[in-house]
N, C-alpha and C. Protein backbone atom coordinates (compact mmCIF):
# COMPACT_ATOMS: atom_id res chain seq x y z
N MET A 1 0.85 -1.24 -0.02
CA MET A 1 -0.03 0.03 -0.05
C MET A 1 0.85 1.19 -0.01
N LYS A 2 2.12 1.16 -0.45
CA LYS A 2 3.20 2.40 -0.37
C LYS A 2 2.52 3.33 -1.18
N LYS A 3 1.99 3.23 -2.57
CA LYS A 3 1.56 4.07 -3.20
C LYS A 3 0.18 4.75 -3.13
N TYR A 4 -0.18 4.51 -1.94
CA TYR A 4 -1.81 4.57 -1.56
C TYR A 4 -2.25 5.98 -2.05
N LEU A 5 -1.30 7.17 -1.60
CA LEU A 5 -1.68 8.52 -1.63
C LEU A 5 -1.89 8.81 -3.22
N THR A 6 -0.79 8.30 -3.94
CA THR A 6 -0.81 8.71 -5.38
C THR A 6 -1.77 8.14 -6.31
N ILE A 7 -2.24 6.72 -5.92
CA ILE A 7 -3.36 6.08 -6.47
C ILE A 7 -4.49 6.54 -6.32
N MET A 8 -4.72 6.97 -5.10
CA MET A 8 -6.06 7.58 -4.53
C MET A 8 -6.19 8.88 -5.25
N THR A 9 -5.44 9.71 -5.56
CA THR A 9 -5.23 11.11 -6.14
C THR A 9 -5.64 10.82 -7.51
N ILE A 10 -5.07 9.91 -8.28
CA ILE A 10 -5.45 9.38 -9.65
C ILE A 10 -6.72 8.91 -9.89
N ALA A 11 -7.26 8.19 -8.84
CA ALA A 11 -8.59 7.35 -9.10
C ALA A 11 -9.66 8.13 -8.52
N ALA A 12 -9.36 9.41 -7.82
CA ALA A 12 -10.45 10.09 -7.25
C ALA A 12 -11.70 10.37 -7.95
N SER A 13 -11.42 10.71 -9.21
CA SER A 13 -12.68 10.86 -10.09
C SER A 13 -13.72 9.61 -10.23
N ALA A 14 -13.04 8.22 -9.94
CA ALA A 14 -13.67 7.12 -10.25
C ALA A 14 -14.10 6.70 -8.63
N HIS A 15 -13.92 7.44 -7.56
CA HIS A 15 -14.41 7.22 -6.42
C HIS A 15 -13.71 5.83 -5.84
N CYS A 16 -12.53 5.38 -6.33
CA CYS A 16 -11.68 4.41 -6.09
C CYS A 16 -10.66 4.29 -5.06
N HIS A 17 -10.74 3.51 -4.28
CA HIS A 17 -9.59 3.48 -2.95
C HIS A 17 -8.50 2.05 -3.46
N ALA A 18 -7.62 2.22 -2.88
CA ALA A 18 -6.46 1.72 -3.68
C ALA A 18 -6.26 0.12 -3.14
N VAL A 19 -5.86 -0.56 -3.90
CA VAL A 19 -5.22 -1.94 -3.84
C VAL A 19 -3.75 -1.83 -4.35
N ASP A 20 -2.84 -2.17 -3.69
CA ASP A 20 -1.46 -2.18 -4.06
C ASP A 20 -1.38 -3.50 -4.84
N PHE A 21 -1.37 -3.18 -6.26
CA PHE A 21 -1.47 -4.59 -6.97
C PHE A 21 -0.16 -5.21 -7.17
N ASN A 22 1.02 -4.45 -6.76
CA ASN A 22 2.37 -5.08 -6.61
C ASN A 22 2.32 -6.07 -5.43
N ASP A 23 1.58 -5.97 -4.56
CA ASP A 23 1.46 -7.07 -3.61
C ASP A 23 0.52 -8.09 -3.89
N VAL A 24 -0.25 -8.05 -4.71
CA VAL A 24 -1.41 -9.15 -4.91
C VAL A 24 -0.88 -10.14 -6.40
N LYS A 25 -1.10 -11.41 -6.04
CA LYS A 25 -0.56 -12.32 -7.20
C LYS A 25 -1.73 -13.09 -7.52
N THR A 26 -3.03 -12.73 -6.94
CA THR A 26 -4.36 -13.72 -7.12
C THR A 26 -5.20 -13.11 -8.07
N PRO A 27 -5.58 -13.36 -9.24
CA PRO A 27 -6.80 -12.84 -9.62
C PRO A 27 -8.06 -12.89 -8.97
N PHE A 28 -8.77 -11.91 -9.25
CA PHE A 28 -9.98 -12.03 -8.39
C PHE A 28 -11.16 -11.04 -8.92
N PHE A 29 -12.44 -11.02 -8.37
CA PHE A 29 -13.30 -10.12 -8.96
C PHE A 29 -14.17 -9.60 -7.60
N ALA A 30 -14.25 -8.24 -7.32
CA ALA A 30 -14.71 -7.65 -6.28
C ALA A 30 -15.81 -6.90 -6.33
N ILE A 31 -17.04 -6.83 -5.42
CA ILE A 31 -17.88 -5.44 -5.54
C ILE A 31 -17.53 -4.56 -4.48
N ILE A 32 -17.14 -3.50 -4.70
CA ILE A 32 -16.66 -2.68 -3.44
C ILE A 32 -17.72 -1.33 -3.46
N GLU A 33 -17.96 -0.96 -2.11
CA GLU A 33 -18.64 0.18 -1.93
C GLU A 33 -17.63 1.30 -1.50
N VAL A 34 -17.61 2.51 -2.05
CA VAL A 34 -16.69 3.49 -1.80
C VAL A 34 -17.68 4.76 -1.42
N THR A 35 -16.94 5.47 -0.39
CA THR A 35 -17.89 6.56 0.05
C THR A 35 -16.96 7.89 0.25
N ASP A 36 -17.60 9.04 -0.02
CA ASP A 36 -16.75 10.40 0.15
C ASP A 36 -17.34 10.88 1.61
N GLY A 37 -18.09 10.18 2.27
CA GLY A 37 -18.64 10.60 3.55
C GLY A 37 -20.08 11.02 3.32
N VAL A 38 -20.58 11.12 1.92
CA VAL A 38 -21.74 11.69 1.74
C VAL A 38 -22.59 10.66 0.76
N THR A 39 -21.94 10.26 -0.36
CA THR A 39 -22.49 9.43 -1.27
C THR A 39 -21.94 8.29 -1.57
N PRO A 40 -22.38 6.82 -1.07
CA PRO A 40 -21.67 5.60 -1.21
C PRO A 40 -21.94 5.15 -2.62
N ARG A 41 -20.86 4.48 -3.37
CA ARG A 41 -21.17 4.10 -4.61
C ARG A 41 -20.56 2.62 -4.88
N ASP A 42 -21.34 1.82 -5.57
CA ASP A 42 -20.85 0.59 -5.75
C ASP A 42 -19.72 0.41 -6.97
N PHE A 43 -18.80 -0.27 -7.11
CA PHE A 43 -17.93 -0.34 -8.26
C PHE A 43 -17.50 -1.76 -8.26
N GLU A 44 -17.52 -2.56 -9.53
CA GLU A 44 -16.89 -3.81 -9.88
C GLU A 44 -15.39 -3.76 -10.35
N LEU A 45 -14.46 -4.35 -9.31
CA LEU A 45 -13.10 -4.43 -9.31
C LEU A 45 -12.80 -5.74 -9.77
N ARG A 46 -11.88 -5.69 -10.90
CA ARG A 46 -11.17 -7.08 -11.38
C ARG A 46 -9.72 -6.78 -11.49
N TYR A 47 -9.09 -8.16 -11.34
CA TYR A 47 -7.50 -8.10 -11.48
C TYR A 47 -7.16 -9.35 -11.98
N ASP A 48 -6.16 -9.29 -13.00
CA ASP A 48 -5.72 -10.49 -13.62
C ASP A 48 -4.68 -11.25 -12.73
N GLY A 49 -4.04 -10.91 -11.53
CA GLY A 49 -3.13 -11.51 -10.91
C GLY A 49 -1.54 -11.24 -11.18
N GLU A 50 -1.51 -10.44 -12.20
CA GLU A 50 -0.30 -10.15 -12.82
C GLU A 50 0.06 -8.55 -12.66
N SER A 51 -0.69 -7.73 -13.35
CA SER A 51 -0.57 -6.37 -13.35
C SER A 51 -1.76 -5.32 -13.88
N GLN A 52 -2.67 -6.06 -14.34
CA GLN A 52 -3.76 -5.57 -14.88
C GLN A 52 -5.10 -5.20 -14.03
N SER A 53 -5.64 -4.20 -13.85
CA SER A 53 -6.79 -3.97 -13.19
C SER A 53 -7.96 -3.26 -14.00
N SER A 54 -9.34 -3.50 -13.44
CA SER A 54 -10.36 -2.82 -14.21
C SER A 54 -11.23 -2.19 -13.08
N LEU A 55 -12.05 -1.24 -13.37
CA LEU A 55 -12.80 -0.87 -12.50
C LEU A 55 -13.92 -0.37 -13.23
N LYS A 56 -15.13 -0.86 -12.71
CA LYS A 56 -16.38 -0.19 -13.44
C LYS A 56 -17.44 0.11 -12.44
N GLY A 57 -18.40 1.34 -12.65
CA GLY A 57 -19.14 1.72 -11.62
C GLY A 57 -19.67 3.09 -12.13
N GLU A 58 -20.78 3.63 -11.37
CA GLU A 58 -21.53 4.89 -11.51
C GLU A 58 -20.60 6.08 -11.91
N ALA A 59 -20.80 6.44 -13.13
CA ALA A 59 -20.21 7.80 -13.39
C ALA A 59 -21.08 8.95 -12.77
N PRO A 60 -20.55 10.29 -12.96
CA PRO A 60 -20.98 11.39 -12.42
C PRO A 60 -22.28 11.62 -13.08
N THR A 61 -23.26 12.36 -12.34
CA THR A 61 -24.70 12.48 -12.72
C THR A 61 -24.89 13.05 -14.22
N GLY A 62 -25.43 12.57 -15.05
CA GLY A 62 -25.96 13.15 -16.28
C GLY A 62 -24.81 12.40 -17.52
N ALA A 63 -23.99 11.67 -16.92
CA ALA A 63 -23.05 10.73 -17.78
C ALA A 63 -23.90 9.76 -18.56
N PRO A 64 -23.63 9.38 -19.94
CA PRO A 64 -24.36 8.47 -20.65
C PRO A 64 -24.36 6.92 -20.40
N GLY A 65 -23.24 6.69 -19.35
CA GLY A 65 -22.96 5.32 -19.12
C GLY A 65 -22.15 5.01 -17.87
N ASN A 66 -21.64 4.01 -17.67
CA ASN A 66 -20.72 3.76 -16.28
C ASN A 66 -19.45 4.16 -16.63
N LEU A 67 -18.57 4.64 -15.63
CA LEU A 67 -17.34 5.13 -15.70
C LEU A 67 -16.28 3.76 -15.89
N ARG A 68 -15.49 3.88 -16.53
CA ARG A 68 -14.51 2.62 -16.84
C ARG A 68 -13.16 3.05 -16.52
N MET A 69 -12.30 2.44 -16.03
CA MET A 69 -10.93 2.34 -15.84
C MET A 69 -10.08 1.12 -15.74
N VAL A 70 -9.28 1.19 -16.68
CA VAL A 70 -8.16 -0.05 -16.70
C VAL A 70 -6.57 0.59 -16.41
N GLY A 71 -5.90 -0.31 -15.80
CA GLY A 71 -4.73 0.29 -15.31
C GLY A 71 -3.51 -0.97 -15.36
N ASN A 72 -2.35 -0.60 -15.47
CA ASN A 72 -1.44 -1.27 -15.41
C ASN A 72 -0.28 -1.05 -14.42
N SER A 73 -0.29 -1.99 -13.45
CA SER A 73 0.75 -1.64 -12.28
C SER A 73 2.19 -1.66 -12.50
N LYS A 74 2.45 -2.16 -13.65
CA LYS A 74 4.14 -2.45 -14.00
C LYS A 74 4.56 -1.06 -14.72
N ASP A 75 3.73 -0.61 -15.59
CA ASP A 75 4.18 0.61 -16.24
C ASP A 75 3.63 1.87 -15.69
N MET A 76 2.63 1.55 -14.67
CA MET A 76 1.91 2.85 -14.01
C MET A 76 1.22 3.72 -14.97
N THR A 77 0.28 2.99 -15.89
CA THR A 77 -0.36 3.77 -16.67
C THR A 77 -1.79 3.53 -16.48
N TYR A 78 -2.85 4.24 -16.67
CA TYR A 78 -4.16 4.25 -16.29
C TYR A 78 -4.94 4.98 -17.48
N PHE A 79 -6.11 4.27 -17.96
CA PHE A 79 -6.98 4.88 -18.81
C PHE A 79 -8.49 4.96 -18.36
N PHE A 80 -9.07 6.05 -18.50
CA PHE A 80 -10.45 6.35 -17.97
C PHE A 80 -11.33 6.74 -19.29
N TRP A 81 -12.63 6.33 -19.18
CA TRP A 81 -13.56 6.73 -19.89
C TRP A 81 -14.96 6.50 -19.55
N VAL A 82 -16.25 6.93 -20.24
CA VAL A 82 -17.49 6.72 -19.83
C VAL A 82 -18.03 5.81 -20.94
N GLU A 83 -18.58 4.92 -20.60
CA GLU A 83 -19.35 4.17 -21.90
C GLU A 83 -20.56 4.91 -22.37
N ASN A 84 -20.53 4.63 -23.65
CA ASN A 84 -21.74 5.14 -24.40
C ASN A 84 -21.48 6.67 -24.52
N ASP A 85 -20.49 7.24 -24.33
CA ASP A 85 -20.15 8.66 -24.53
C ASP A 85 -20.04 8.77 -26.09
N PRO A 86 -20.66 9.75 -26.60
CA PRO A 86 -20.54 10.04 -27.98
C PRO A 86 -19.43 10.62 -28.57
N ARG A 87 -18.66 11.24 -27.61
CA ARG A 87 -17.31 12.01 -27.99
C ARG A 87 -16.37 10.95 -28.21
N LYS A 88 -16.43 9.73 -27.47
CA LYS A 88 -15.60 8.52 -27.58
C LYS A 88 -14.16 8.96 -27.36
N VAL A 89 -13.86 9.58 -26.04
CA VAL A 89 -12.76 9.91 -25.69
C VAL A 89 -12.27 9.06 -24.43
N VAL A 90 -10.79 8.71 -24.67
CA VAL A 90 -10.34 8.03 -23.42
C VAL A 90 -9.20 8.97 -22.81
N MET A 91 -9.29 8.98 -21.58
CA MET A 91 -8.04 9.85 -20.72
C MET A 91 -7.04 8.85 -20.34
N THR A 92 -5.79 9.18 -20.74
CA THR A 92 -4.92 8.53 -20.06
C THR A 92 -3.83 9.27 -19.31
N MET A 93 -3.09 8.59 -18.29
CA MET A 93 -1.97 9.37 -17.64
C MET A 93 -1.10 8.32 -16.87
N ASP A 94 0.10 8.83 -16.77
CA ASP A 94 1.16 7.90 -16.18
C ASP A 94 1.44 8.40 -14.66
N GLU A 95 1.01 7.38 -13.75
CA GLU A 95 0.99 7.78 -12.36
C GLU A 95 2.22 8.51 -11.61
N LYS A 96 3.37 8.12 -12.03
CA LYS A 96 4.46 8.93 -11.70
C LYS A 96 4.60 10.28 -12.06
N GLN A 97 4.47 10.50 -13.50
CA GLN A 97 4.40 11.93 -13.61
C GLN A 97 3.02 12.79 -13.61
N PHE A 98 2.03 12.06 -13.24
CA PHE A 98 0.93 12.77 -12.76
C PHE A 98 1.11 13.08 -11.42
N ALA A 99 1.69 12.37 -10.34
CA ALA A 99 2.10 12.70 -8.92
C ALA A 99 3.09 14.06 -8.96
N THR A 100 4.14 13.97 -9.99
CA THR A 100 4.89 15.04 -10.24
C THR A 100 4.47 16.22 -10.28
N ASN A 101 3.26 16.24 -11.33
CA ASN A 101 2.64 17.35 -11.65
C ASN A 101 1.82 18.16 -10.49
N LEU A 102 1.50 17.14 -9.60
CA LEU A 102 0.43 17.59 -8.51
C LEU A 102 1.39 18.16 -7.26
N GLY A 103 2.66 18.14 -7.56
CA GLY A 103 3.45 18.52 -6.63
C GLY A 103 3.84 17.41 -5.38
N ILE A 104 3.59 16.15 -5.69
CA ILE A 104 3.87 15.01 -4.79
C ILE A 104 5.11 14.24 -5.01
N ASP A 105 5.88 14.25 -4.11
CA ASP A 105 7.24 13.80 -4.16
C ASP A 105 7.26 12.16 -3.73
N LEU A 106 7.31 11.42 -4.59
CA LEU A 106 7.11 10.12 -4.28
C LEU A 106 8.32 9.38 -3.45
N SER A 107 9.38 9.94 -3.70
CA SER A 107 10.62 9.58 -2.94
C SER A 107 10.37 9.93 -1.67
N SER A 108 9.57 10.87 -1.14
CA SER A 108 9.58 11.17 0.21
C SER A 108 8.60 10.52 1.30
N ILE A 109 7.93 9.46 0.52
CA ILE A 109 7.01 8.76 1.43
C ILE A 109 7.61 7.97 2.31
N LYS A 110 7.10 8.02 3.69
CA LYS A 110 7.46 7.58 4.84
C LYS A 110 6.36 6.83 5.53
N GLU A 111 6.67 5.64 5.88
CA GLU A 111 5.38 4.78 6.58
C GLU A 111 5.84 3.79 7.60
N ASN A 112 5.01 3.75 8.61
CA ASN A 112 5.14 2.69 9.78
C ASN A 112 3.86 2.18 9.89
N SER A 113 4.25 0.81 9.75
CA SER A 113 2.99 -0.37 9.87
C SER A 113 3.08 -0.98 11.14
N THR A 114 1.87 -1.26 11.43
CA THR A 114 1.39 -1.82 12.91
C THR A 114 0.42 -2.94 12.60
N ASN A 115 0.78 -4.18 13.15
CA ASN A 115 -0.19 -5.11 13.01
C ASN A 115 -1.22 -5.18 14.09
N LEU A 116 -2.64 -5.07 14.02
CA LEU A 116 -3.49 -4.90 14.85
C LEU A 116 -4.43 -6.16 15.23
N GLY A 117 -4.04 -7.27 14.53
CA GLY A 117 -4.45 -8.63 14.75
C GLY A 117 -5.63 -8.89 13.54
N LYS A 118 -6.10 -10.08 13.60
CA LYS A 118 -6.71 -10.70 12.94
C LYS A 118 -8.51 -10.56 13.00
N LYS A 119 -9.31 -10.35 12.05
CA LYS A 119 -10.51 -10.36 11.86
C LYS A 119 -11.34 -11.01 10.90
N GLU A 120 -12.52 -11.02 10.93
CA GLU A 120 -13.23 -11.63 9.80
C GLU A 120 -14.28 -10.75 9.49
N PHE A 121 -14.45 -10.51 8.05
CA PHE A 121 -15.22 -9.58 7.45
C PHE A 121 -15.92 -10.18 6.08
N ILE A 122 -17.25 -10.25 5.96
CA ILE A 122 -17.81 -10.85 4.73
C ILE A 122 -17.41 -12.11 4.93
N GLY A 123 -17.16 -12.90 5.94
CA GLY A 123 -16.84 -14.35 5.93
C GLY A 123 -15.43 -14.55 5.48
N ILE A 124 -14.55 -13.61 5.66
CA ILE A 124 -13.20 -14.07 5.03
C ILE A 124 -12.24 -13.22 6.23
N GLU A 125 -11.28 -14.04 6.48
CA GLU A 125 -10.30 -13.75 7.53
C GLU A 125 -9.34 -12.74 6.96
N CYS A 126 -9.08 -11.67 7.56
CA CYS A 126 -8.22 -10.57 7.24
C CYS A 126 -7.38 -10.10 8.57
N THR A 127 -6.10 -9.44 8.06
CA THR A 127 -5.41 -8.92 9.18
C THR A 127 -5.54 -7.46 8.98
N ILE A 128 -5.76 -6.84 10.20
CA ILE A 128 -5.87 -5.31 10.26
C ILE A 128 -4.40 -4.55 10.32
N TRP A 129 -4.17 -3.75 9.59
CA TRP A 129 -3.02 -2.94 9.53
C TRP A 129 -3.21 -1.57 9.40
N ARG A 130 -2.35 -0.90 10.23
CA ARG A 130 -2.48 0.54 10.24
C ARG A 130 -0.95 1.15 9.77
N LYS A 131 -1.13 2.13 9.06
CA LYS A 131 0.09 2.72 8.38
C LYS A 131 -0.11 4.21 8.69
N ASP A 132 0.75 4.75 9.30
CA ASP A 132 1.08 6.24 9.72
C ASP A 132 1.97 6.63 8.43
N ILE A 133 1.46 7.78 7.90
CA ILE A 133 2.02 8.32 6.51
C ILE A 133 2.38 9.63 6.58
N GLN A 134 3.62 9.83 6.00
CA GLN A 134 4.27 11.11 5.82
C GLN A 134 4.46 11.18 4.53
N ILE A 135 4.20 12.43 3.60
CA ILE A 135 4.69 12.47 2.35
C ILE A 135 4.77 14.09 1.91
N THR A 136 5.69 14.40 1.28
CA THR A 136 5.83 15.75 0.88
C THR A 136 4.98 16.09 -0.19
N HIS A 137 4.05 17.04 -0.02
CA HIS A 137 3.12 17.59 -1.18
C HIS A 137 2.91 19.23 -1.32
N GLN A 138 3.39 19.58 -2.37
CA GLN A 138 4.02 21.14 -2.80
C GLN A 138 4.20 21.55 -1.65
N GLY A 139 5.51 20.98 -1.20
CA GLY A 139 6.54 21.59 -0.22
C GLY A 139 6.17 21.33 1.20
N LYS A 140 4.97 20.89 1.47
CA LYS A 140 4.45 20.46 2.99
C LYS A 140 4.50 19.12 3.14
N GLU A 141 4.49 18.54 4.38
CA GLU A 141 4.62 17.24 4.69
C GLU A 141 3.38 16.95 5.65
N PRO A 142 2.25 16.60 5.04
CA PRO A 142 1.08 16.43 5.78
C PRO A 142 1.22 14.89 6.23
N THR A 143 0.61 14.62 7.37
CA THR A 143 0.58 13.20 7.97
C THR A 143 -0.71 12.64 8.03
N GLY A 144 -1.02 11.45 8.26
CA GLY A 144 -2.08 10.71 8.50
C GLY A 144 -2.08 9.37 8.59
N TYR A 145 -3.21 8.47 8.70
CA TYR A 145 -2.89 7.00 8.81
C TYR A 145 -4.07 6.48 8.08
N ILE A 146 -3.77 5.18 7.77
CA ILE A 146 -4.78 4.41 7.13
C ILE A 146 -4.68 3.04 7.71
N GLU A 147 -6.07 2.46 7.90
CA GLU A 147 -6.39 1.26 8.43
C GLU A 147 -6.87 0.54 7.23
N ALA A 148 -6.55 -0.65 7.25
CA ALA A 148 -7.17 -1.79 6.27
C ALA A 148 -6.95 -3.02 6.80
N CYS A 149 -8.23 -3.80 6.66
CA CYS A 149 -8.18 -5.23 6.96
C CYS A 149 -7.80 -6.07 5.60
N ILE A 150 -6.81 -6.78 5.51
CA ILE A 150 -6.07 -7.46 4.22
C ILE A 150 -6.18 -8.67 4.41
N THR A 151 -6.60 -9.44 3.47
CA THR A 151 -6.73 -10.88 3.31
C THR A 151 -5.20 -11.45 3.26
N LYS A 152 -4.97 -12.86 3.32
CA LYS A 152 -3.62 -13.37 2.80
C LYS A 152 -3.13 -13.15 1.38
N GLU A 153 -4.28 -12.70 0.63
CA GLU A 153 -3.73 -12.57 -0.62
C GLU A 153 -3.22 -11.09 -0.94
N GLY A 154 -3.42 -10.23 -0.01
CA GLY A 154 -3.11 -8.87 -0.05
C GLY A 154 -4.29 -8.14 -0.45
N ILE A 155 -5.47 -8.48 -0.52
CA ILE A 155 -6.51 -7.69 -1.07
C ILE A 155 -7.32 -7.17 0.48
N PRO A 156 -7.36 -5.83 0.44
CA PRO A 156 -8.20 -5.17 1.43
C PRO A 156 -9.70 -5.39 1.38
N LEU A 157 -10.30 -5.68 2.51
CA LEU A 157 -11.76 -5.92 2.55
C LEU A 157 -12.44 -4.50 3.04
N TRP A 158 -11.70 -3.72 3.86
CA TRP A 158 -12.27 -2.56 4.09
C TRP A 158 -10.90 -1.52 4.22
N GLU A 159 -11.28 -0.34 4.23
CA GLU A 159 -10.24 0.57 4.40
C GLU A 159 -10.81 2.06 5.23
N LYS A 160 -10.01 2.49 6.18
CA LYS A 160 -10.28 3.86 6.68
C LYS A 160 -9.17 4.53 6.36
N ASP A 161 -9.64 6.02 6.39
CA ASP A 161 -8.64 7.16 6.20
C ASP A 161 -8.60 8.05 7.20
N SER A 162 -7.57 8.04 8.35
CA SER A 162 -7.66 8.72 9.37
C SER A 162 -8.82 8.52 10.36
N GLY A 163 -9.51 7.35 10.23
CA GLY A 163 -10.55 7.00 11.15
C GLY A 163 -11.98 6.96 10.43
N ARG A 164 -11.97 7.39 9.21
CA ARG A 164 -13.25 7.50 8.44
C ARG A 164 -13.13 6.25 7.38
N LEU A 165 -14.17 5.39 7.37
CA LEU A 165 -14.34 4.37 6.53
C LEU A 165 -14.55 5.10 5.04
N VAL A 166 -13.71 4.54 4.05
CA VAL A 166 -13.74 5.07 2.77
C VAL A 166 -14.17 3.82 1.90
N MET A 167 -13.83 2.57 2.12
CA MET A 167 -14.16 1.64 1.41
C MET A 167 -14.43 0.31 2.14
N LYS A 168 -15.49 -0.52 1.34
CA LYS A 168 -15.86 -1.84 1.86
C LYS A 168 -15.95 -2.83 0.83
N ALA A 169 -15.54 -4.14 0.97
CA ALA A 169 -16.02 -4.99 0.09
C ALA A 169 -17.35 -5.54 0.33
N LYS A 170 -18.15 -5.73 -0.56
CA LYS A 170 -19.55 -6.53 -0.39
C LYS A 170 -19.49 -7.94 -0.82
N MET A 171 -18.54 -8.14 -1.88
CA MET A 171 -18.23 -9.38 -2.43
C MET A 171 -16.92 -9.65 -2.79
N LEU A 172 -16.41 -10.76 -2.57
CA LEU A 172 -15.05 -11.14 -3.21
C LEU A 172 -15.00 -12.63 -3.68
N GLU A 173 -14.44 -12.75 -4.86
CA GLU A 173 -14.39 -14.19 -5.71
C GLU A 173 -13.08 -13.99 -6.18
N LEU A 174 -12.40 -15.23 -5.69
CA LEU A 174 -10.89 -15.46 -6.26
C LEU A 174 -11.11 -16.18 -7.63
N GLY A 175 -10.25 -15.85 -8.68
CA GLY A 175 -10.28 -16.85 -9.84
C GLY A 175 -10.11 -15.91 -11.16
N LYS A 176 -9.77 -16.60 -12.29
CA LYS A 176 -9.24 -16.03 -13.41
C LYS A 176 -10.32 -14.97 -14.11
N GLN A 177 -9.90 -13.95 -14.41
CA GLN A 177 -10.80 -13.00 -15.22
C GLN A 177 -10.68 -13.03 -16.72
N ASP A 178 -11.66 -12.69 -17.31
CA ASP A 178 -11.62 -12.65 -19.01
C ASP A 178 -10.70 -11.31 -19.03
N GLU A 179 -9.99 -11.62 -20.14
CA GLU A 179 -9.24 -10.62 -20.59
C GLU A 179 -9.67 -9.40 -21.27
N GLN A 180 -10.86 -9.41 -21.69
CA GLN A 180 -11.56 -8.27 -22.32
C GLN A 180 -11.89 -7.02 -21.26
N TRP A 181 -11.73 -7.59 -19.89
CA TRP A 181 -12.02 -6.51 -19.07
C TRP A 181 -10.97 -5.64 -18.77
N PHE A 182 -9.71 -5.82 -19.35
CA PHE A 182 -8.55 -4.94 -19.18
C PHE A 182 -8.05 -4.21 -20.41
N LYS A 183 -9.10 -4.17 -21.17
CA LYS A 183 -8.59 -3.35 -22.71
C LYS A 183 -9.45 -1.97 -22.39
N ALA A 184 -8.81 -0.94 -23.16
CA ALA A 184 -9.43 0.29 -23.52
C ALA A 184 -9.94 0.19 -24.62
N PRO A 185 -11.06 1.02 -25.12
CA PRO A 185 -11.72 1.02 -26.41
C PRO A 185 -10.72 1.34 -27.63
N SER A 186 -10.64 0.65 -28.51
CA SER A 186 -9.51 0.98 -29.73
C SER A 186 -10.10 1.96 -30.47
N ASP A 187 -11.38 2.36 -30.56
CA ASP A 187 -11.86 3.44 -31.56
C ASP A 187 -12.07 4.75 -30.85
N HIS A 188 -11.62 4.91 -29.74
CA HIS A 188 -11.65 6.21 -29.01
C HIS A 188 -10.54 6.91 -29.22
N LYS A 189 -10.57 8.41 -29.37
CA LYS A 189 -9.36 9.31 -29.08
C LYS A 189 -8.87 9.17 -27.83
N VAL A 190 -7.65 9.28 -27.67
CA VAL A 190 -6.73 9.19 -26.48
C VAL A 190 -6.31 10.66 -26.01
N VAL A 191 -6.71 11.17 -25.05
CA VAL A 191 -6.25 12.39 -24.53
C VAL A 191 -5.39 12.17 -23.12
N ASP A 192 -4.05 12.75 -23.48
CA ASP A 192 -3.09 12.48 -22.30
C ASP A 192 -3.24 13.48 -21.26
N MET A 193 -3.62 13.19 -19.99
CA MET A 193 -3.91 14.04 -19.08
C MET A 193 -2.70 14.64 -18.52
N ASN A 194 -1.47 14.15 -18.63
CA ASN A 194 -0.21 14.50 -18.15
C ASN A 194 0.02 15.70 -18.96
N ALA A 195 -0.03 15.61 -20.39
CA ALA A 195 0.17 16.61 -21.17
C ALA A 195 -0.82 17.96 -21.02
N LEU A 196 -1.93 17.71 -20.77
CA LEU A 196 -3.01 18.84 -20.35
C LEU A 196 -2.67 19.44 -19.26
N MET A 197 -2.40 18.87 -18.05
CA MET A 197 -1.91 19.45 -17.10
C MET A 197 -0.85 20.40 -17.23
N GLN A 198 0.28 20.08 -18.11
CA GLN A 198 1.36 20.66 -18.33
C GLN A 198 0.96 21.82 -18.99
N SER A 199 0.34 21.93 -20.02
CA SER A 199 -0.31 23.00 -20.72
C SER A 199 -1.00 23.89 -19.76
N LEU A 200 -1.84 23.48 -18.87
CA LEU A 200 -2.53 24.38 -17.91
C LEU A 200 -1.60 25.18 -17.09
N LYS A 201 -0.54 24.46 -16.57
CA LYS A 201 0.43 25.16 -15.83
C LYS A 201 1.09 26.20 -16.36
N ALA A 202 1.36 26.03 -17.79
CA ALA A 202 2.09 26.93 -18.61
C ALA A 202 1.32 28.21 -18.87
N LEU A 203 0.16 27.98 -18.93
CA LEU A 203 -0.91 29.02 -19.23
C LEU A 203 -1.03 30.04 -17.97
N GLN A 204 -0.68 29.48 -16.83
CA GLN A 204 -0.93 30.03 -15.41
C GLN A 204 0.29 30.94 -15.10
N LYS A 205 1.40 30.76 -15.95
CA LYS A 205 2.67 31.50 -15.75
C LYS A 205 2.58 32.89 -16.28
């Protein structure tokens, strides 16, 4: 979960909280509920057991279809799009570069982990871990802590951000996932969010 903060920033538009896929070697399908403290939303989360992840869930109000995201934890790239959008646009970003554009220094991440014991959630045993985190963001070093109940496969069944519940699994099934879930549409225009952010920053100077 070392990259939790940056993954969370990147996936914020999808209301998705983090699984550190570098730690997970088992393919799975899960239905997760994510909340910003006001509106809980359900998402389908899939992982191929190697590096590819897929997220599908409710898009912002007024959107023509579900929000989709596919990512690759090895090259740290992500693709976002809305199903049935007539504009046919896929937004892409590189996690490391995107974090830099936001003023986040990945090399500054410091964390201390504490094992708080085992519990059971949705009928599955998991270990509760607390991580106290400090990271440099735009020159400042905010601190906080994350608690998560993580299965032996490395999959979080619930997560809390500084004591506030932000994600919980409603269902988890281990097993191979169809490759189709990890592909972005080939007929869509690709917009590089990193380049867009750099252009906006240049206009502000």
